[in-house]
Structures are given as structure tokens and as C-alpha cells.
Amino acid sequence: MSTANTSNYEVVVTTAGRKMFQEAFYNYMCGLGFAQLGVGGRLGGQSSYDFRSDDGVVSLGISADGQSHFRMVVHSETIAVEPLVLDALTEGAANILQPFCESLSGTVGGDTLRRLIADLRDSFEEEITRVG
């Protein structure tokens, strides 16, 4: 494969950020129909998750970066990863907020939270459709 289409996204986050993104990205990629190829790594060390579709493989690598931070790298040789990261983040945030929203039904705050969740879910849908 040519590296001309190589796409990377890299960020350093706290433990909470790692947990949230790792779960959100996994759920999102599986929801798009990507098959998870496997997990590698050891506790406290580097972990790697690979997701395959007909368009190629997307990898998520996680490694410790100091005592309380983690370096997360999303990589693909053939698929643009930033739209995937953006949509996984907004879908993940909406999923986290959803249970709280359900307990606020009928209130002005509940209505505001429902609109926010809808906006989060719709934020990058058009970009993902163009990528896919």
C-alpha cells in the first residue's frame, strides 16, 4: 500500500479520557461494521486495537505517557481517521449523557439536554457519509 493516503490522529489524555475514548471508539467502529481483529499489549503497557472493513484497517494504539497520561494514536493507510475520531467522540459523549437525560424528562433542562444529544449525534454524520 502506498503511504500517500496514510492518515494519523494523535493525542495525549488523562486516564478518564483514555477510558472514555477507548470505549467510544470501539463501540463506534463496531457500529460501522468494522470487524475487530484483536487486542495486543499488556497491563500498564501499550495496547493496540485493529478494526477491518472492505476499505482497510484502522488501528488504535494506546501507550502510557508519564504517570497519569496516555498517548493515543489512530492510524490507517487507506481511511481518513479524523472524521472517525470526531464522530466517535460526539457519539460517545451523547451516549454518556443519554441516561442522565432520561431522568430529566419533562423539564426545561431535560429538553436542552435532549437537543444537545441530538446535535452531538448529528454533528459529523455528513462527513462520515462522505468518507465511507
C-alpha atoms as a PDB file:
ATOM      1  CA  MET A   1       0.000   0.000   0.000  1.00  0.00           C
ATOM      2  CA  SER A   2       1.093   3.498  -0.723  1.00  0.00           C
ATOM      3  CA  THR A   3       1.710   5.772   2.247  1.00  0.00           C
ATOM      4  CA  ALA A   4       0.279   8.719   0.276  1.00  0.00           C
ATOM      5  CA  ASN A   5      -3.109   8.016   1.860  1.00  0.00           C
ATOM      6  CA  THR A   6      -1.729   7.434   5.364  1.00  0.00           C
ATOM      7  CA  SER A   7      -3.850   9.107   7.995  1.00  0.00           C
ATOM      8  CA  ASN A   8      -2.931   9.628  11.667  1.00  0.00           C
ATOM      9  CA  TYR A   9      -4.506  11.240  14.687  1.00  0.00           C
ATOM     10  CA  GLU A  10      -2.557  11.521  17.940  1.00  0.00           C
ATOM     11  CA  VAL A  11      -3.465  12.915  21.355  1.00  0.00           C
ATOM     12  CA  VAL A  12      -2.268  12.704  24.974  1.00  0.00           C
ATOM     13  CA  VAL A  13      -5.110  12.348  27.505  1.00  0.00           C
ATOM     14  CA  THR A  14      -5.757  11.567  31.163  1.00  0.00           C
ATOM     15  CA  THR A  15      -6.869   8.141  32.367  1.00  0.00           C
ATOM     16  CA  ALA A  16     -10.519   9.238  32.248  1.00  0.00           C
ATOM     17  CA  GLY A  17     -10.089  10.500  28.675  1.00  0.00           C
ATOM     18  CA  ARG A  18      -8.470   7.218  27.645  1.00  0.00           C
ATOM     19  CA  LYS A  19     -11.290   5.137  29.096  1.00  0.00           C
ATOM     20  CA  MET A  20     -13.999   7.291  27.519  1.00  0.00           C
ATOM     21  CA  PHE A  21     -12.401   7.404  24.088  1.00  0.00           C
ATOM     22  CA  GLN A  22     -11.361   3.744  24.051  1.00  0.00           C
ATOM     23  CA  GLU A  23     -14.940   2.613  24.754  1.00  0.00           C
ATOM     24  CA  ALA A  24     -16.499   5.197  22.422  1.00  0.00           C
ATOM     25  CA  PHE A  25     -14.134   4.337  19.556  1.00  0.00           C
ATOM     26  CA  TYR A  26     -14.616   0.589  19.969  1.00  0.00           C
ATOM     27  CA  ASN A  27     -18.425   0.900  20.014  1.00  0.00           C
ATOM     28  CA  TYR A  28     -18.407   3.328  17.105  1.00  0.00           C
ATOM     29  CA  MET A  29     -16.160   1.226  14.867  1.00  0.00           C
ATOM     30  CA  CYS A  30     -18.171  -1.937  15.571  1.00  0.00           C
ATOM     31  CA  GLY A  31     -21.336   0.050  14.844  1.00  0.00           C
ATOM     32  CA  LEU A  32     -19.940   0.990  11.435  1.00  0.00           C
ATOM     33  CA  GLY A  33     -19.484  -2.701  10.651  1.00  0.00           C
ATOM     34  CA  PHE A  34     -15.730  -2.902  11.193  1.00  0.00           C
ATOM     35  CA  ALA A  35     -14.550  -6.272  12.484  1.00  0.00           C
ATOM     36  CA  GLN A  36     -12.163  -6.157  15.423  1.00  0.00           C
ATOM     37  CA  LEU A  37      -9.054  -8.139  14.557  1.00  0.00           C
ATOM     38  CA  GLY A  38      -7.586  -8.378  18.030  1.00  0.00           C
ATOM     39  CA  VAL A  39      -6.071  -6.693  21.006  1.00  0.00           C
ATOM     40  CA  GLY A  40      -2.409  -6.693  21.836  1.00  0.00           C
ATOM     41  CA  GLY A  41      -0.463  -5.369  24.752  1.00  0.00           C
ATOM     42  CA  ARG A  42      -0.005  -5.830  28.442  1.00  0.00           C
ATOM     43  CA  LEU A  43      -1.426  -4.200  31.543  1.00  0.00           C
ATOM     44  CA  GLY A  44       0.152  -0.788  32.066  1.00  0.00           C
ATOM     45  CA  GLY A  45       1.988  -1.005  28.741  1.00  0.00           C
ATOM     46  CA  GLN A  46       0.988  -0.439  25.162  1.00  0.00           C
ATOM     47  CA  SER A  47      -2.295  -1.760  23.790  1.00  0.00           C
ATOM     48  CA  SER A  48      -3.373  -1.988  20.181  1.00  0.00           C
ATOM     49  CA  TYR A  49      -6.802  -2.484  18.620  1.00  0.00           C
ATOM     50  CA  ASP A  50      -7.274  -3.161  14.910  1.00  0.00           C
ATOM     51  CA  PHE A  51     -10.555  -2.772  13.027  1.00  0.00           C
ATOM     52  CA  ARG A  52     -11.003  -4.084   9.458  1.00  0.00           C
ATOM     53  CA  SER A  53     -13.509  -3.232   6.735  1.00  0.00           C
ATOM     54  CA  ASP A  54     -13.502  -3.654   2.964  1.00  0.00           C
ATOM     55  CA  ASP A  55     -11.804  -0.233   2.769  1.00  0.00           C
ATOM     56  CA  GLY A  56      -8.851  -1.173   5.004  1.00  0.00           C
ATOM     57  CA  VAL A  57      -7.676  -1.343   8.593  1.00  0.00           C
ATOM     58  CA  VAL A  58      -7.898   1.321  11.291  1.00  0.00           C
ATOM     59  CA  SER A  59      -5.657   0.883  14.342  1.00  0.00           C
ATOM     60  CA  LEU A  60      -5.912   2.412  17.790  1.00  0.00           C
ATOM     61  CA  GLY A  61      -2.675   2.321  19.777  1.00  0.00           C
ATOM     62  CA  ILE A  62      -2.544   3.302  23.438  1.00  0.00           C
ATOM     63  CA  SER A  63       0.634   3.739  25.453  1.00  0.00           C
ATOM     64  CA  ALA A  64       1.492   5.249  28.818  1.00  0.00           C
ATOM     65  CA  ASP A  65       2.845   8.790  28.680  1.00  0.00           C
ATOM     66  CA  GLY A  66       4.091   9.558  32.171  1.00  0.00           C
ATOM     67  CA  GLN A  67       2.332   8.615  35.382  1.00  0.00           C
ATOM     68  CA  SER A  68      -1.241   9.651  34.654  1.00  0.00           C
ATOM     69  CA  HIS A  69      -1.482  10.248  30.910  1.00  0.00           C
ATOM     70  CA  PHE A  70      -1.792   8.108  27.803  1.00  0.00           C
ATOM     71  CA  ARG A  71      -0.787   8.657  24.196  1.00  0.00           C
ATOM     72  CA  MET A  72      -3.494   7.523  21.813  1.00  0.00           C
ATOM     73  CA  VAL A  73      -2.804   7.103  18.107  1.00  0.00           C
ATOM     74  CA  VAL A  74      -5.432   6.278  15.495  1.00  0.00           C
ATOM     75  CA  HIS A  75      -3.848   5.213  12.201  1.00  0.00           C
ATOM     76  CA  SER A  76      -4.880   3.934   8.785  1.00  0.00           C
ATOM     77  CA  GLU A  77      -3.130   3.509   5.466  1.00  0.00           C
ATOM     78  CA  THR A  78      -6.363   3.907   3.468  1.00  0.00           C
ATOM     79  CA  ILE A  79      -9.086   5.529   5.587  1.00  0.00           C
ATOM     80  CA  ALA A  80      -9.248   9.147   6.803  1.00  0.00           C
ATOM     81  CA  VAL A  81      -9.206   8.815  10.602  1.00  0.00           C
ATOM     82  CA  GLU A  82     -10.037  12.340  11.819  1.00  0.00           C
ATOM     83  CA  PRO A  83     -13.723  12.115  10.764  1.00  0.00           C
ATOM     84  CA  LEU A  84     -13.917   8.748  12.575  1.00  0.00           C
ATOM     85  CA  VAL A  85     -12.368  10.250  15.714  1.00  0.00           C
ATOM     86  CA  LEU A  86     -14.711  13.261  15.630  1.00  0.00           C
ATOM     87  CA  ASP A  87     -17.838  11.162  15.224  1.00  0.00           C
ATOM     88  CA  ALA A  88     -16.725   8.588  17.825  1.00  0.00           C
ATOM     89  CA  LEU A  89     -16.165  11.425  20.317  1.00  0.00           C
ATOM     90  CA  THR A  90     -19.525  13.086  19.716  1.00  0.00           C
ATOM     91  CA  GLU A  91     -21.409   9.754  19.714  1.00  0.00           C
ATOM     92  CA  GLY A  92     -19.552   8.721  22.881  1.00  0.00           C
ATOM     93  CA  ALA A  93     -20.430  11.989  24.623  1.00  0.00           C
ATOM     94  CA  ALA A  94     -24.075  11.590  23.579  1.00  0.00           C
ATOM     95  CA  ASN A  95     -24.088   8.015  24.915  1.00  0.00           C
ATOM     96  CA  ILE A  96     -22.695   9.200  28.259  1.00  0.00           C
ATOM     97  CA  LEU A  97     -25.347  11.952  28.532  1.00  0.00           C
ATOM     98  CA  GLN A  98     -28.326   9.819  27.428  1.00  0.00           C
ATOM     99  CA  PRO A  99     -29.076   8.111  30.797  1.00  0.00           C
ATOM    100  CA  PHE A 100     -28.982  11.473  32.586  1.00  0.00           C
ATOM    101  CA  CYS A 101     -31.355  12.950  30.025  1.00  0.00           C
ATOM    102  CA  GLU A 102     -33.875  10.145  30.511  1.00  0.00           C
ATOM    103  CA  SER A 103     -34.114  11.024  34.216  1.00  0.00           C
ATOM    104  CA  LEU A 104     -34.890  14.688  33.404  1.00  0.00           C
ATOM    105  CA  SER A 105     -37.871  14.197  31.088  1.00  0.00           C
ATOM    106  CA  GLY A 106     -40.445  16.932  31.204  1.00  0.00           C
ATOM    107  CA  THR A 107     -38.069  19.654  32.445  1.00  0.00           C
ATOM    108  CA  VAL A 108     -36.568  22.579  30.571  1.00  0.00           C
ATOM    109  CA  GLY A 109     -33.137  21.147  31.411  1.00  0.00           C
ATOM    110  CA  GLY A 110     -34.193  17.779  30.020  1.00  0.00           C
ATOM    111  CA  ASP A 111     -35.310  19.399  26.758  1.00  0.00           C
ATOM    112  CA  THR A 112     -31.997  21.257  26.491  1.00  0.00           C
ATOM    113  CA  LEU A 113     -30.048  18.077  27.143  1.00  0.00           C
ATOM    114  CA  ARG A 114     -32.100  16.155  24.524  1.00  0.00           C
ATOM    115  CA  ARG A 115     -31.310  18.847  21.933  1.00  0.00           C
ATOM    116  CA  LEU A 116     -27.619  18.715  22.862  1.00  0.00           C
ATOM    117  CA  ILE A 117     -27.592  14.920  22.471  1.00  0.00           C
ATOM    118  CA  ALA A 118     -29.327  15.180  19.072  1.00  0.00           C
ATOM    119  CA  ASP A 119     -26.813  17.842  17.963  1.00  0.00           C
ATOM    120  CA  LEU A 120     -23.891  15.688  19.114  1.00  0.00           C
ATOM    121  CA  ARG A 121     -25.203  12.641  17.230  1.00  0.00           C
ATOM    122  CA  ASP A 122     -25.730  14.671  14.031  1.00  0.00           C
ATOM    123  CA  SER A 123     -22.515  16.737  14.186  1.00  0.00           C
ATOM    124  CA  PHE A 124     -20.263  14.738  11.877  1.00  0.00           C
ATOM    125  CA  GLU A 125     -22.700  12.335  10.213  1.00  0.00           C
ATOM    126  CA  GLU A 126     -22.360  14.131   6.860  1.00  0.00           C
ATOM    127  CA  GLU A 127     -18.545  13.944   6.954  1.00  0.00           C
ATOM    128  CA  ILE A 128     -18.607  10.211   7.736  1.00  0.00           C
ATOM    129  CA  THR A 129     -21.040   9.624   4.860  1.00  0.00           C
ATOM    130  CA  ARG A 130     -18.621  11.389   2.502  1.00  0.00           C
ATOM    131  CA  VAL A 131     -15.659   9.350   3.807  1.00  0.00           C
ATOM    132  CA  GLY A 132     -17.452   5.970   3.652  1.00  0.00           C
END
